[in-house]
Amino acid sequence: MNGLMARALYPCAHIPDLTYDYLEGRLPALTTLRFKAHLAMCEGCAEFVSLYTLAADPVRFLDETPPPSELVELTLSFLDKELDRERGTAERDSIGEP
C-alpha cells in the first residue's frame, strides 16, 4: 500500500489534529483504526507521530507541583484589577461617558 491509499483513509493534514487525542486514547474505535492504518502506510505521518510522542511524553508525566502561594496571590490580584478595569470601562460605555 502506498501514500495515496493512506491519504484516502485520512488526509495527511488531519493527522496532526488527531494525534493528541490518539495518544490520550480519546479517539473513537473506528477513527483509531483509520489513524493507525494511515500511519502504517505513510512514513511521513508515522515519523510526525513518533516525534510528537517523544516530545510530549516527558511533559505528560511531570509532577503537578502547585505554584508558590505568592505567585497565586499576585496573579489573582492582577486578574481582580483587570476585571475591575474592564467593568469600569463597560459601565462608562453604557452611560456614554468618555
N, C-alpha and C. Protein backbone atom coordinates (compact mmCIF):
# COMPACT_ATOMS: atom_id res chain seq x y z
N MET A 1 0.84 -1.18 0.00
CA MET A 1 0.00 0.00 0.00
C MET A 1 0.88 1.24 0.00
N ASN A 2 0.36 2.31 -0.55
CA ASN A 2 1.20 3.49 -0.71
C ASN A 2 0.59 4.71 -0.03
N GLY A 3 1.26 5.83 -0.20
CA GLY A 3 0.81 7.07 0.40
C GLY A 3 -0.55 7.51 -0.10
N LEU A 4 -0.90 7.20 -1.36
CA LEU A 4 -2.20 7.56 -1.90
C LEU A 4 -3.32 6.86 -1.13
N MET A 5 -3.12 5.59 -0.83
CA MET A 5 -4.13 4.86 -0.06
C MET A 5 -4.21 5.40 1.37
N ALA A 6 -3.07 5.76 1.94
CA ALA A 6 -3.07 6.31 3.29
C ALA A 6 -3.86 7.61 3.33
N ARG A 7 -3.69 8.45 2.32
CA ARG A 7 -4.42 9.71 2.27
C ARG A 7 -5.92 9.48 2.07
N ALA A 8 -6.29 8.35 1.46
CA ALA A 8 -7.71 8.03 1.30
C ALA A 8 -8.33 7.72 2.66
N LEU A 9 -7.55 7.14 3.57
CA LEU A 9 -8.06 6.86 4.92
C LEU A 9 -8.25 8.17 5.69
N TYR A 10 -7.22 8.97 5.71
CA TYR A 10 -7.23 10.31 6.30
C TYR A 10 -6.23 11.13 5.53
N PRO A 11 -6.58 12.32 5.12
CA PRO A 11 -5.55 13.17 4.51
C PRO A 11 -4.46 13.46 5.54
N CYS A 12 -3.25 13.57 5.09
CA CYS A 12 -2.13 13.84 5.99
C CYS A 12 -2.38 15.07 6.86
N ALA A 13 -3.08 16.05 6.31
CA ALA A 13 -3.34 17.29 7.06
C ALA A 13 -4.17 17.05 8.32
N HIS A 14 -4.92 15.95 8.38
CA HIS A 14 -5.74 15.65 9.56
C HIS A 14 -4.95 14.97 10.68
N ILE A 15 -3.83 14.38 10.36
CA ILE A 15 -3.08 13.60 11.34
C ILE A 15 -2.62 14.45 12.53
N PRO A 16 -2.04 15.65 12.32
CA PRO A 16 -1.65 16.44 13.49
C PRO A 16 -2.82 16.76 14.43
N ASP A 17 -4.00 17.03 13.85
CA ASP A 17 -5.16 17.36 14.67
C ASP A 17 -5.64 16.17 15.51
N LEU A 18 -5.41 14.97 15.03
CA LEU A 18 -5.88 13.76 15.71
C LEU A 18 -4.85 13.18 16.68
N THR A 19 -3.60 13.58 16.54
CA THR A 19 -2.51 12.93 17.26
C THR A 19 -2.67 12.99 18.77
N TYR A 20 -2.97 14.14 19.33
CA TYR A 20 -3.09 14.26 20.79
C TYR A 20 -4.17 13.33 21.32
N ASP A 21 -5.35 13.38 20.70
CA ASP A 21 -6.44 12.52 21.17
C ASP A 21 -6.10 11.04 20.97
N TYR A 22 -5.38 10.72 19.91
CA TYR A 22 -4.95 9.33 19.71
C TYR A 22 -4.04 8.88 20.85
N LEU A 23 -3.06 9.70 21.18
CA LEU A 23 -2.11 9.32 22.24
C LEU A 23 -2.79 9.24 23.60
N GLU A 24 -3.83 10.04 23.81
CA GLU A 24 -4.57 10.02 25.07
C GLU A 24 -5.65 8.93 25.09
N GLY A 25 -5.82 8.22 23.99
CA GLY A 25 -6.83 7.16 23.91
C GLY A 25 -8.24 7.70 23.84
N ARG A 26 -8.41 8.88 23.28
CA ARG A 26 -9.72 9.53 23.25
C ARG A 26 -10.44 9.43 21.91
N LEU A 27 -9.82 8.82 20.92
CA LEU A 27 -10.47 8.70 19.62
C LEU A 27 -11.45 7.54 19.62
N PRO A 28 -12.56 7.66 18.90
CA PRO A 28 -13.47 6.52 18.74
C PRO A 28 -12.73 5.35 18.06
N ALA A 29 -13.22 4.15 18.25
CA ALA A 29 -12.54 2.95 17.75
C ALA A 29 -12.28 3.01 16.24
N LEU A 30 -13.27 3.40 15.46
CA LEU A 30 -13.10 3.44 14.01
C LEU A 30 -12.07 4.50 13.60
N THR A 31 -12.09 5.63 14.27
CA THR A 31 -11.11 6.68 13.98
C THR A 31 -9.71 6.21 14.32
N THR A 32 -9.57 5.51 15.44
CA THR A 32 -8.27 4.96 15.83
C THR A 32 -7.77 3.97 14.79
N LEU A 33 -8.65 3.12 14.32
CA LEU A 33 -8.29 2.12 13.31
C LEU A 33 -7.81 2.81 12.03
N ARG A 34 -8.55 3.81 11.58
CA ARG A 34 -8.16 4.54 10.37
C ARG A 34 -6.86 5.30 10.58
N PHE A 35 -6.69 5.88 11.77
CA PHE A 35 -5.47 6.61 12.11
C PHE A 35 -4.26 5.68 12.03
N LYS A 36 -4.38 4.52 12.68
CA LYS A 36 -3.28 3.54 12.68
C LYS A 36 -2.99 3.04 11.27
N ALA A 37 -4.03 2.81 10.49
CA ALA A 37 -3.83 2.33 9.11
C ALA A 37 -3.09 3.39 8.30
N HIS A 38 -3.45 4.65 8.49
CA HIS A 38 -2.74 5.72 7.78
C HIS A 38 -1.26 5.71 8.15
N LEU A 39 -0.98 5.61 9.47
CA LEU A 39 0.42 5.61 9.90
C LEU A 39 1.19 4.43 9.34
N ALA A 40 0.53 3.29 9.21
CA ALA A 40 1.20 2.10 8.68
C ALA A 40 1.59 2.28 7.22
N MET A 41 0.87 3.18 6.52
CA MET A 41 1.12 3.37 5.09
C MET A 41 1.84 4.67 4.75
N CYS A 42 1.95 5.57 5.71
CA CYS A 42 2.51 6.89 5.41
C CYS A 42 3.70 7.16 6.33
N GLU A 43 4.88 7.04 5.76
CA GLU A 43 6.11 7.20 6.54
C GLU A 43 6.23 8.59 7.17
N GLY A 44 5.84 9.62 6.43
CA GLY A 44 5.95 10.98 6.94
C GLY A 44 5.09 11.21 8.17
N CYS A 45 3.85 10.73 8.12
CA CYS A 45 2.95 10.91 9.27
C CYS A 45 3.38 10.04 10.44
N ALA A 46 3.87 8.84 10.14
CA ALA A 46 4.36 7.97 11.21
C ALA A 46 5.54 8.63 11.93
N GLU A 47 6.40 9.28 11.16
CA GLU A 47 7.54 9.98 11.77
C GLU A 47 7.05 11.17 12.60
N PHE A 48 6.05 11.90 12.09
CA PHE A 48 5.49 13.02 12.84
C PHE A 48 4.96 12.55 14.20
N VAL A 49 4.16 11.48 14.20
CA VAL A 49 3.57 10.97 15.44
C VAL A 49 4.67 10.48 16.38
N SER A 50 5.69 9.86 15.83
CA SER A 50 6.80 9.39 16.65
C SER A 50 7.52 10.56 17.33
N LEU A 51 7.81 11.61 16.57
CA LEU A 51 8.47 12.79 17.13
C LEU A 51 7.56 13.50 18.13
N TYR A 52 6.28 13.57 17.83
CA TYR A 52 5.31 14.20 18.74
C TYR A 52 5.30 13.44 20.07
N THR A 53 5.31 12.12 19.97
CA THR A 53 5.29 11.28 21.17
C THR A 53 6.56 11.51 22.00
N LEU A 54 7.70 11.56 21.34
CA LEU A 54 8.96 11.81 22.06
C LEU A 54 8.95 13.15 22.78
N ALA A 55 8.37 14.15 22.13
CA ALA A 55 8.32 15.48 22.74
C ALA A 55 7.28 15.56 23.84
N ALA A 56 6.16 14.88 23.68
CA ALA A 56 5.05 15.01 24.62
C ALA A 56 5.21 14.12 25.85
N ASP A 57 5.80 12.97 25.71
CA ASP A 57 5.88 12.02 26.83
C ASP A 57 6.51 12.61 28.09
N PRO A 58 7.66 13.26 28.00
CA PRO A 58 8.24 13.80 29.24
C PRO A 58 7.33 14.82 29.92
N VAL A 59 6.64 15.62 29.14
CA VAL A 59 5.77 16.65 29.69
C VAL A 59 4.53 16.03 30.36
N ARG A 60 4.00 14.98 29.75
CA ARG A 60 2.78 14.35 30.28
C ARG A 60 3.00 13.73 31.65
N PHE A 61 4.22 13.38 31.97
CA PHE A 61 4.47 12.66 33.21
C PHE A 61 5.12 13.53 34.29
N LEU A 62 5.16 14.84 34.07
CA LEU A 62 5.71 15.73 35.08
C LEU A 62 4.76 15.77 36.28
N ASP A 63 5.33 15.92 37.45
CA ASP A 63 4.50 16.11 38.64
C ASP A 63 3.78 17.44 38.54
N GLU A 64 2.58 17.46 39.06
CA GLU A 64 1.83 18.70 39.09
C GLU A 64 2.10 19.42 40.40
N THR A 65 3.23 20.08 40.45
CA THR A 65 3.63 20.82 41.64
C THR A 65 2.86 22.14 41.66
N PRO A 66 2.17 22.43 42.75
CA PRO A 66 1.44 23.69 42.79
C PRO A 66 2.39 24.88 42.77
N PRO A 67 1.95 25.99 42.19
CA PRO A 67 2.81 27.17 42.14
C PRO A 67 2.97 27.76 43.55
N PRO A 68 4.01 28.54 43.76
CA PRO A 68 4.19 29.18 45.06
C PRO A 68 2.99 30.07 45.39
N SER A 69 2.64 30.14 46.66
CA SER A 69 1.46 30.91 47.07
C SER A 69 1.58 32.39 46.68
N GLU A 70 2.80 32.94 46.71
CA GLU A 70 2.99 34.34 46.32
C GLU A 70 2.60 34.56 44.86
N LEU A 71 2.94 33.61 44.02
CA LEU A 71 2.60 33.72 42.61
C LEU A 71 1.08 33.67 42.42
N VAL A 72 0.42 32.78 43.16
CA VAL A 72 -1.03 32.67 43.09
C VAL A 72 -1.67 33.99 43.52
N GLU A 73 -1.20 34.54 44.63
CA GLU A 73 -1.75 35.80 45.15
C GLU A 73 -1.55 36.95 44.16
N LEU A 74 -0.36 37.05 43.60
CA LEU A 74 -0.08 38.11 42.63
C LEU A 74 -0.95 37.97 41.38
N THR A 75 -1.10 36.75 40.92
CA THR A 75 -1.91 36.50 39.73
C THR A 75 -3.37 36.86 39.98
N LEU A 76 -3.91 36.41 41.12
CA LEU A 76 -5.31 36.71 41.44
C LEU A 76 -5.52 38.21 41.62
N SER A 77 -4.57 38.88 42.24
CA SER A 77 -4.66 40.32 42.42
C SER A 77 -4.67 41.03 41.06
N PHE A 78 -3.79 40.61 40.18
CA PHE A 78 -3.72 41.18 38.83
C PHE A 78 -5.05 40.97 38.10
N LEU A 79 -5.58 39.76 38.17
CA LEU A 79 -6.83 39.46 37.48
C LEU A 79 -7.99 40.27 38.05
N ASP A 80 -8.03 40.43 39.38
CA ASP A 80 -9.07 41.25 40.01
C ASP A 80 -9.01 42.69 39.49
N LYS A 81 -7.79 43.24 39.41
CA LYS A 81 -7.63 44.61 38.92
C LYS A 81 -8.07 44.72 37.45
N GLU A 82 -7.73 43.73 36.65
CA GLU A 82 -8.14 43.74 35.25
C GLU A 82 -9.66 43.67 35.12
N LEU A 83 -10.29 42.82 35.92
CA LEU A 83 -11.76 42.73 35.89
C LEU A 83 -12.39 44.05 36.31
N ASP A 84 -11.86 44.66 37.37
CA ASP A 84 -12.37 45.95 37.82
C ASP A 84 -12.22 47.00 36.72
N ARG A 85 -11.08 47.00 36.06
CA ARG A 85 -10.83 47.95 34.97
C ARG A 85 -11.82 47.73 33.82
N GLU A 86 -12.04 46.47 33.45
CA GLU A 86 -12.98 46.16 32.37
C GLU A 86 -14.40 46.53 32.75
N ARG A 87 -14.79 46.25 33.98
CA ARG A 87 -16.13 46.61 34.44
C ARG A 87 -16.32 48.12 34.41
N GLY A 88 -15.30 48.85 34.84
CA GLY A 88 -15.37 50.31 34.82
C GLY A 88 -15.53 50.84 33.41
N THR A 89 -14.79 50.26 32.48
CA THR A 89 -14.89 50.67 31.07
C THR A 89 -16.28 50.36 30.53
N ALA A 90 -16.81 49.19 30.86
CA ALA A 90 -18.14 48.80 30.39
C ALA A 90 -19.21 49.71 30.96
N GLU A 91 -19.08 50.09 32.23
CA GLU A 91 -20.05 50.99 32.86
C GLU A 91 -20.01 52.37 32.19
N ARG A 92 -18.81 52.88 31.95
CA ARG A 92 -18.68 54.19 31.30
C ARG A 92 -19.26 54.16 29.89
N ASP A 93 -19.03 53.05 29.18
CA ASP A 93 -19.56 52.92 27.83
C ASP A 93 -21.09 52.88 27.83
N SER A 94 -21.67 52.22 28.82
CA SER A 94 -23.12 52.06 28.85
C SER A 94 -23.84 53.37 29.18
N ILE A 95 -23.17 54.29 29.89
CA ILE A 95 -23.81 55.57 30.21
C ILE A 95 -23.29 56.70 29.33
N GLY A 96 -22.42 56.36 28.39
CA GLY A 96 -21.97 57.33 27.42
C GLY A 96 -20.86 58.25 27.86
N GLU A 97 -20.16 57.91 28.92
CA GLU A 97 -19.03 58.72 29.37
C GLU A 97 -17.79 58.39 28.56
N PRO A 98 -16.93 59.37 28.34
CA PRO A 98 -15.67 59.12 27.59
C PRO A 98 -14.67 58.38 28.41
